[in-house]
Amino acid sequence: MLSKFGCCPAHTIRYYEKEGLLPYIKRDKHGNRLFEQEHLDWIRLMTCFRATGMKLSLLKQMVNLALDGDSTIPQRKAVDVELTAQYLLRIEDVSPKHVVHGTRYMQEQMTLLDG
C-alpha cells in the first residue's frame, strides 16, 4: 500500500521488513501490513540513507541503536556526522535532497529526544 503513495517499491518494503529494518509492523487478519506514521518516517529515512550510499549493515546498526532508546543518541549523531562527511566526498553522485532530508529528520528527532 505504501508503494502506491510513492514511498518506495513494494519489494523494497518487503526486503526492509525481512531484514529487520521495520520492526513492530502489525498485520490484519488477511496478512496485510498495517503501517503507522512511524513506519512511513522510517522508510523515508532509510530510503534517503540508502541513496547516500549507506550500507545495509550500517542501516541495521542505526535501527538497532534507535530501538535501544535515547541513550544511543550520541552514537546516532556520530553516525550521521560520518555519513554526511562521506557524502560530501561523493557529492556529485548523490542527490542532495536525500542527504538534506535524512540529516534534517535525524536532527529533528534527536532534538525532540534531547529536549
Protein backbone atom coordinates (compact mmCIF):
# COMPACT_ATOMS: atom_id res chain seq x y z
CA MET A 1 0.00 0.00 0.00
CA LEU A 2 2.83 2.41 0.81
CA SER A 3 4.30 1.85 -2.61
CA LYS A 4 1.12 3.32 -4.11
CA PHE A 5 1.92 6.61 -2.40
CA GLY A 6 5.36 6.81 -3.99
CA CYS A 7 7.20 6.00 -0.79
CA CYS A 8 9.22 3.17 -2.30
CA PRO A 9 8.56 -0.01 -4.24
CA ALA A 10 6.70 -2.84 -2.53
CA HIS A 11 9.67 -5.20 -2.92
CA THR A 12 11.85 -2.71 -1.02
CA ILE A 13 9.35 -2.55 1.83
CA ARG A 14 9.21 -6.36 1.98
CA TYR A 15 13.01 -6.52 1.94
CA TYR A 16 13.37 -3.93 4.72
CA GLU A 17 10.90 -5.85 6.85
CA LYS A 18 12.62 -9.19 6.16
CA GLU A 19 15.96 -7.67 7.18
CA GLY A 20 14.53 -6.40 10.45
CA LEU A 21 14.65 -2.74 9.46
CA LEU A 22 10.92 -2.23 10.06
CA PRO A 23 10.24 -3.75 13.44
CA TYR A 24 6.84 -4.00 15.03
CA ILE A 25 4.72 -3.86 11.88
CA LYS A 26 1.34 -5.34 12.65
CA ARG A 27 -0.79 -7.26 10.20
CA ASP A 28 -4.52 -7.52 9.71
CA LYS A 29 -6.41 -10.83 9.62
CA HIS A 30 -5.56 -11.18 5.91
CA GLY A 31 -1.82 -10.76 6.47
CA ASN A 32 -1.65 -7.21 5.07
CA ARG A 33 0.82 -4.91 6.77
CA LEU A 34 -0.69 -2.15 8.87
CA PHE A 35 1.62 0.84 8.63
CA GLU A 36 1.68 3.72 11.07
CA GLN A 37 3.25 7.13 10.55
CA GLU A 38 6.37 5.95 12.39
CA HIS A 39 6.90 3.25 9.76
CA LEU A 40 6.47 5.73 6.94
CA ASP A 41 9.03 8.03 8.57
CA TRP A 42 11.48 5.14 8.94
CA ILE A 43 11.03 4.06 5.34
CA ARG A 44 11.63 7.59 4.08
CA LEU A 45 14.70 7.95 6.25
CA MET A 46 16.11 4.59 5.14
CA THR A 47 15.46 5.48 1.50
CA CYS A 48 17.43 8.70 1.96
CA PHE A 49 20.27 6.96 3.76
CA ARG A 50 20.46 4.23 1.14
CA ALA A 51 20.52 6.87 -1.61
CA THR A 52 23.54 8.44 0.05
CA GLY A 53 25.36 5.13 -0.09
CA MET A 54 24.80 3.91 3.46
CA LYS A 55 25.48 0.21 3.60
CA LEU A 56 22.75 -2.10 4.80
CA SER A 57 24.86 -3.20 7.78
CA LEU A 58 25.15 0.41 8.98
CA LEU A 59 21.43 0.93 8.42
CA LYS A 60 20.74 -2.11 10.60
CA GLN A 61 23.05 -0.66 13.23
CA MET A 62 21.11 2.62 13.16
CA VAL A 63 17.79 0.82 13.58
CA ASN A 64 19.16 -1.23 16.47
CA LEU A 65 20.54 1.89 18.13
CA ALA A 66 17.18 3.61 17.78
CA LEU A 67 15.43 0.59 19.28
CA ASP A 68 17.85 0.68 22.21
CA GLY A 69 16.47 4.08 23.18
CA ASP A 70 17.54 7.60 23.93
CA SER A 71 20.85 6.58 25.47
CA THR A 72 22.14 5.88 21.96
CA ILE A 73 21.51 9.40 20.64
CA PRO A 74 25.22 10.36 20.76
CA GLN A 75 26.12 7.26 18.76
CA ARG A 76 23.42 8.02 16.17
CA LYS A 77 24.63 11.60 15.89
CA ALA A 78 28.17 10.34 15.30
CA VAL A 79 26.97 8.03 12.52
CA ASP A 80 25.04 10.92 10.96
CA VAL A 81 28.10 13.18 11.04
CA GLU A 82 30.24 10.46 9.47
CA LEU A 83 27.63 9.78 6.79
CA THR A 84 27.46 13.48 5.95
CA ALA A 85 31.25 13.65 5.67
CA GLN A 86 31.31 10.63 3.38
CA TYR A 87 28.55 12.13 1.29
CA LEU A 88 30.40 15.38 0.84
CA LEU A 89 33.30 13.41 -0.61
CA ARG A 90 30.97 11.87 -3.21
CA ILE A 91 28.52 14.72 -3.67
CA GLU A 92 28.47 14.56 -7.45
CA ASP A 93 26.97 11.06 -7.34
CA VAL A 94 24.09 11.63 -4.90
CA SER A 95 21.01 13.81 -4.90
CA PRO A 96 21.44 16.47 -2.19
CA LYS A 97 17.76 16.25 -1.26
CA HIS A 98 18.30 12.77 0.18
CA VAL A 99 21.10 13.89 2.47
CA VAL A 100 19.33 17.08 3.47
CA HIS A 101 16.09 15.24 4.25
CA GLY A 102 17.83 12.43 6.12
CA THR A 103 20.04 14.76 8.13
CA ARG A 104 17.20 17.17 8.92
CA TYR A 105 14.96 14.33 10.03
CA MET A 106 17.64 12.87 12.31
CA GLN A 107 18.38 16.28 13.81
CA GLU A 108 14.68 16.96 14.44
CA GLN A 109 14.18 13.59 16.08
CA MET A 110 17.24 13.94 18.24
CA THR A 111 16.27 17.49 19.24
CA LEU A 112 12.87 16.21 20.32
CA LEU A 113 14.52 13.46 22.35
CA ASP A 114 17.11 15.82 23.86
CA GLY A 115 14.55 18.47 24.87
